[in-house]
Amino acid sequence: MAEKIGVVGLRQIEAALFKRWPATQPVTGYLVRKAKSLGIAVPITETVYSLAKGVEYAARLRREAV
């Protein structure tokens, strides 16, 4: 059975992701566009790219709200 992660643990994970996502998004975006132009399916990379965009959007909303 999976362990439950508390709010503090989730905030630590979130902070670590926010530090790494900005560098991830341009690279994954390039890979998705290049693969599409070559007709190659990259579903996992597309998912990572979408998640990176979502994290960046949420961070921007959070900054604007403060």
C-alpha atoms as a PDB file:
ATOM      1  CA  MET A   1       0.000   0.000   0.000  1.00  0.00           C
ATOM      2  CA  ALA A   2       1.320   3.444  -0.903  1.00  0.00           C
ATOM      3  CA  GLU A   3       2.361   5.780   1.866  1.00  0.00           C
ATOM      4  CA  LYS A   4       0.433   8.984   2.350  1.00  0.00           C
ATOM      5  CA  ILE A   5       2.405  12.146   1.738  1.00  0.00           C
ATOM      6  CA  GLY A   6       1.651  15.069   4.027  1.00  0.00           C
ATOM      7  CA  VAL A   7       1.244  18.684   2.987  1.00  0.00           C
ATOM      8  CA  VAL A   8       4.846  19.472   3.923  1.00  0.00           C
ATOM      9  CA  GLY A   9       6.088  16.620   1.740  1.00  0.00           C
ATOM     10  CA  LEU A  10       3.979  17.805  -1.190  1.00  0.00           C
ATOM     11  CA  ARG A  11       5.301  21.337  -0.816  1.00  0.00           C
ATOM     12  CA  GLN A  12       8.876  20.036  -0.866  1.00  0.00           C
ATOM     13  CA  ILE A  13       8.147  18.095  -4.048  1.00  0.00           C
ATOM     14  CA  GLU A  14       6.450  21.120  -5.585  1.00  0.00           C
ATOM     15  CA  ALA A  15       9.431  23.357  -4.750  1.00  0.00           C
ATOM     16  CA  ALA A  16      11.853  20.884  -6.329  1.00  0.00           C
ATOM     17  CA  LEU A  17       9.734  20.657  -9.485  1.00  0.00           C
ATOM     18  CA  PHE A  18       9.475  24.435  -9.836  1.00  0.00           C
ATOM     19  CA  LYS A  19      13.276  24.644  -9.796  1.00  0.00           C
ATOM     20  CA  ARG A  20      13.639  22.086 -12.609  1.00  0.00           C
ATOM     21  CA  TRP A  21      10.637  22.664 -14.910  1.00  0.00           C
ATOM     22  CA  PRO A  22      11.774  25.916 -16.529  1.00  0.00           C
ATOM     23  CA  ALA A  23      14.821  24.151 -17.986  1.00  0.00           C
ATOM     24  CA  THR A  24      12.744  21.149 -19.022  1.00  0.00           C
ATOM     25  CA  GLN A  25      10.043  22.898 -21.020  1.00  0.00           C
ATOM     26  CA  PRO A  26      12.144  24.266 -23.934  1.00  0.00           C
ATOM     27  CA  VAL A  27      13.899  20.942 -24.425  1.00  0.00           C
ATOM     28  CA  THR A  28      10.746  18.840 -24.329  1.00  0.00           C
ATOM     29  CA  GLY A  29       8.945  21.367 -26.531  1.00  0.00           C
ATOM     30  CA  TYR A  30      11.668  21.049 -29.153  1.00  0.00           C
ATOM     31  CA  LEU A  31      11.552  17.246 -28.979  1.00  0.00           C
ATOM     32  CA  VAL A  32       7.763  17.212 -29.396  1.00  0.00           C
ATOM     33  CA  ARG A  33       7.887  19.567 -32.409  1.00  0.00           C
ATOM     34  CA  LYS A  34      10.778  17.689 -34.039  1.00  0.00           C
ATOM     35  CA  ALA A  35       9.152  14.295 -33.518  1.00  0.00           C
ATOM     36  CA  LYS A  36       5.886  15.583 -34.962  1.00  0.00           C
ATOM     37  CA  SER A  37       7.694  16.924 -38.046  1.00  0.00           C
ATOM     38  CA  LEU A  38       9.313  13.498 -38.519  1.00  0.00           C
ATOM     39  CA  GLY A  39       6.079  11.593 -37.917  1.00  0.00           C
ATOM     40  CA  ILE A  40       7.361   9.949 -34.736  1.00  0.00           C
ATOM     41  CA  ALA A  41       4.999   9.372 -31.797  1.00  0.00           C
ATOM     42  CA  VAL A  42       6.414  10.512 -28.452  1.00  0.00           C
ATOM     43  CA  PRO A  43       3.470  10.269 -26.045  1.00  0.00           C
ATOM     44  CA  ILE A  44       5.519  10.338 -22.841  1.00  0.00           C
ATOM     45  CA  THR A  45       7.495  13.388 -23.955  1.00  0.00           C
ATOM     46  CA  GLU A  46       4.227  15.085 -24.958  1.00  0.00           C
ATOM     47  CA  THR A  47       2.858  14.388 -21.486  1.00  0.00           C
ATOM     48  CA  VAL A  48       5.966  15.790 -19.789  1.00  0.00           C
ATOM     49  CA  TYR A  49       5.761  18.887 -22.004  1.00  0.00           C
ATOM     50  CA  SER A  50       2.087  19.413 -21.145  1.00  0.00           C
ATOM     51  CA  LEU A  51       2.834  19.026 -17.449  1.00  0.00           C
ATOM     52  CA  ALA A  52       5.702  21.520 -17.696  1.00  0.00           C
ATOM     53  CA  LYS A  53       3.432  24.044 -19.388  1.00  0.00           C
ATOM     54  CA  GLY A  54       0.806  23.505 -16.695  1.00  0.00           C
ATOM     55  CA  VAL A  55       3.308  23.958 -13.878  1.00  0.00           C
ATOM     56  CA  GLU A  56       4.613  27.144 -15.485  1.00  0.00           C
ATOM     57  CA  TYR A  57       1.070  28.471 -15.915  1.00  0.00           C
ATOM     58  CA  ALA A  58       0.198  27.697 -12.282  1.00  0.00           C
ATOM     59  CA  ALA A  59       3.393  29.397 -11.086  1.00  0.00           C
ATOM     60  CA  ARG A  60       2.581  32.485 -13.154  1.00  0.00           C
ATOM     61  CA  LEU A  61      -0.936  32.632 -11.687  1.00  0.00           C
ATOM     62  CA  ARG A  62       0.474  32.232  -8.198  1.00  0.00           C
ATOM     63  CA  ARG A  63       2.969  35.078  -8.747  1.00  0.00           C
ATOM     64  CA  GLU A  64       0.257  37.362 -10.152  1.00  0.00           C
ATOM     65  CA  ALA A  65      -2.043  36.629  -7.201  1.00  0.00           C
ATOM     66  CA  VAL A  66       0.538  37.806  -4.660  1.00  0.00           C
END
